[in-house]
Protein backbone atom coordinates (compact mmCIF):
# COMPACT_ATOMS: atom_id res chain seq x y z
CA UNK A 1 195.57 120.62 0.23
CA UNK A 2 198.94 119.93 -1.41
CA UNK A 3 200.65 119.53 1.96
CA UNK A 4 197.93 117.15 3.14
CA UNK A 5 198.35 115.14 -0.04
CA UNK A 6 202.13 115.09 0.43
CA UNK A 7 201.83 113.93 4.04
CA UNK A 8 199.34 111.20 3.05
CA UNK A 9 201.63 110.05 0.24
CA UNK A 10 204.66 109.95 2.53
CA UNK A 11 202.71 107.98 5.14
CA UNK A 12 201.58 105.45 2.54
CA UNK A 13 205.07 105.11 1.13
CA UNK A 14 206.66 104.65 4.53
CA UNK A 15 204.11 102.01 5.50
CA UNK A 16 204.72 100.19 2.23
CA UNK A 17 208.48 100.41 2.68
CA UNK A 18 208.22 99.06 6.23
CA UNK A 19 206.13 96.12 5.05
CA UNK A 20 208.49 95.45 2.15
CA UNK A 21 211.53 95.64 4.39
CA UNK A 22 209.94 93.31 6.92
CA UNK A 23 208.93 90.91 4.15
CA UNK A 24 212.38 91.14 2.54
CA UNK A 25 214.28 90.38 5.73
CA UNK A 26 212.15 87.32 6.48
CA UNK A 27 212.11 86.00 2.91
CA UNK A 28 215.70 86.75 1.84
CA UNK A 29 214.83 89.80 -0.24
CA UNK A 30 216.38 93.24 -0.32
CA UNK A 31 216.22 93.54 3.45
CA UNK A 32 219.28 91.29 3.57
CA UNK A 33 222.20 92.42 1.39
CA UNK A 34 223.59 88.87 1.20
CA UNK A 35 220.53 87.36 -0.42
CA UNK A 36 218.84 87.07 -3.77
CA UNK A 37 215.19 87.32 -4.67
CA UNK A 38 214.91 83.53 -4.42
CA UNK A 39 216.03 83.33 -0.81
CA UNK A 40 219.55 82.05 -1.50
CA UNK A 41 221.82 83.48 1.13
CA UNK A 42 225.42 84.57 0.76
CA UNK A 43 227.83 85.35 -2.00
CA UNK A 44 227.14 83.31 -5.17
CA UNK A 45 230.84 82.54 -5.64
CA UNK A 46 231.01 81.23 -2.08
CA UNK A 47 227.91 79.10 -2.71
CA UNK A 48 229.39 77.69 -5.91
CA UNK A 49 232.70 77.04 -4.16
CA UNK A 50 230.93 75.21 -1.36
CA UNK A 51 228.51 73.30 -3.60
CA UNK A 52 230.93 72.41 -6.40
CA UNK A 53 234.27 72.31 -4.61
CA UNK A 54 235.90 74.98 -6.79
CA UNK A 55 239.66 75.50 -6.64
CA UNK A 56 241.29 78.95 -6.35
CA UNK A 57 241.73 79.39 -10.11
CA UNK A 58 238.07 78.59 -10.73
CA UNK A 59 237.01 80.97 -7.96
CA UNK A 60 239.07 83.75 -9.54
CA UNK A 61 237.62 83.15 -13.01
CA UNK A 62 234.04 82.90 -11.79
CA UNK A 63 234.45 86.05 -9.68
CA UNK A 64 235.60 87.87 -12.82
CA UNK A 65 232.59 86.56 -14.75
CA UNK A 66 230.21 87.84 -12.06
CA UNK A 67 231.94 91.24 -11.99
CA UNK A 68 231.79 91.59 -15.79
CA UNK A 69 228.16 90.55 -15.76
CA UNK A 70 227.36 93.21 -13.16
CA UNK A 71 229.10 95.89 -15.25
CA UNK A 72 227.14 94.85 -18.35
CA UNK A 73 223.86 95.02 -16.42
CA UNK A 74 224.74 98.50 -15.16
CA UNK A 75 225.62 99.68 -18.68
CA UNK A 76 222.33 98.35 -20.04
CA UNK A 77 220.41 100.01 -17.20
CA UNK A 78 222.04 103.36 -18.04
CA UNK A 79 221.21 102.95 -21.73
CA UNK A 80 217.56 102.25 -20.89
CA UNK A 81 217.46 105.32 -18.65
CA UNK A 82 218.91 107.49 -21.41
CA UNK A 83 216.34 106.21 -23.93
CA UNK A 84 213.51 106.76 -21.43
CA UNK A 85 214.73 110.32 -20.73
CA UNK A 86 214.85 111.05 -24.46
CA UNK A 87 211.33 109.71 -25.01
CA UNK A 88 210.07 111.71 -22.03
CA UNK A 89 211.64 114.93 -23.36
CA UNK A 90 210.22 114.37 -26.86
CA UNK A 91 206.75 113.66 -25.45
CA UNK A 92 206.94 116.77 -23.28
CA UNK A 93 207.92 118.95 -26.27
CA UNK A 94 205.13 117.50 -28.43
CA UNK A 95 202.53 118.20 -25.74
CA UNK A 96 203.77 121.77 -25.27
CA UNK A 97 203.46 122.39 -29.04
CA UNK A 98 199.73 121.58 -28.88
CA UNK A 99 198.89 123.69 -25.80
CA UNK A 100 197.96 127.35 -25.65
CA UNK A 101 200.34 129.66 -23.73
CA UNK A 102 198.06 129.56 -20.65
CA UNK A 103 197.87 125.77 -20.80
CA UNK A 104 201.65 125.59 -21.25
CA UNK A 105 202.16 127.63 -18.10
CA UNK A 106 199.78 125.39 -16.13
CA UNK A 107 201.39 122.26 -17.59
CA UNK A 108 204.84 123.47 -16.52
CA UNK A 109 203.57 124.41 -13.06
CA UNK A 110 202.14 120.93 -12.59
CA UNK A 111 205.35 119.36 -13.84
CA UNK A 112 207.34 121.37 -11.28
CA UNK A 113 204.96 120.27 -8.51
CA UNK A 114 205.45 116.62 -9.49
CA UNK A 115 209.21 117.12 -9.49
CA UNK A 116 209.07 118.71 -6.03
CA UNK A 117 207.02 115.74 -4.80
CA UNK A 118 209.58 113.30 -6.24
CA UNK A 119 212.39 115.25 -4.58
CA UNK A 120 210.57 115.26 -1.22
CA UNK A 121 210.08 111.50 -1.42
CA UNK A 122 213.73 111.00 -2.37
CA UNK A 123 214.88 113.09 0.60
CA UNK A 124 212.47 111.25 2.89
CA UNK A 125 213.87 107.90 1.78
CA UNK A 126 217.46 109.11 2.13
CA UNK A 127 216.70 110.19 5.70
CA UNK A 128 215.54 106.70 6.60
CA UNK A 129 211.82 107.47 6.70
CA UNK A 130 210.00 107.27 10.00
CA UNK A 131 212.05 106.04 12.95
CA UNK A 132 215.30 105.71 11.02
CA UNK A 133 218.11 108.00 10.18
CA UNK A 134 218.77 111.30 11.91
CA UNK A 135 216.84 111.05 15.14
CA UNK A 136 218.06 112.52 18.41
CA UNK A 137 218.07 109.14 20.10
CA UNK A 138 215.96 110.33 23.05
CA UNK A 139 212.79 108.34 22.42
CA UNK A 140 212.28 107.55 26.12
CA UNK A 141 211.23 111.07 27.10
């Protein structure tokens, strides 16, 4: 039952990823690394240089601004993750305090199963999903 559920989940995820990738590459989304969510193609500094006629000094300063902005966004993302992890751990501990020993064991077992599912999905994605990644290259057999 669990394996069937895992296979069904993986199939659904891979289909969704394929659709998203196809949509992203045609609409300028994440399928194309040189695009933004609004369909603007290319490096933003290059676009600004082209559109505004920036000189080398301006390009250097604006590049620095974009790099600093990216670092700030990454720092904020890490802070949010840390807060979410702390909330999750506190919630988990509070739930365990309420449960009986048998319920605690079942709760932990289910948590481990969810973690294994997340890990399987992560490995599946890292391998390129269906048709991508580590194939043998002999599809014409």
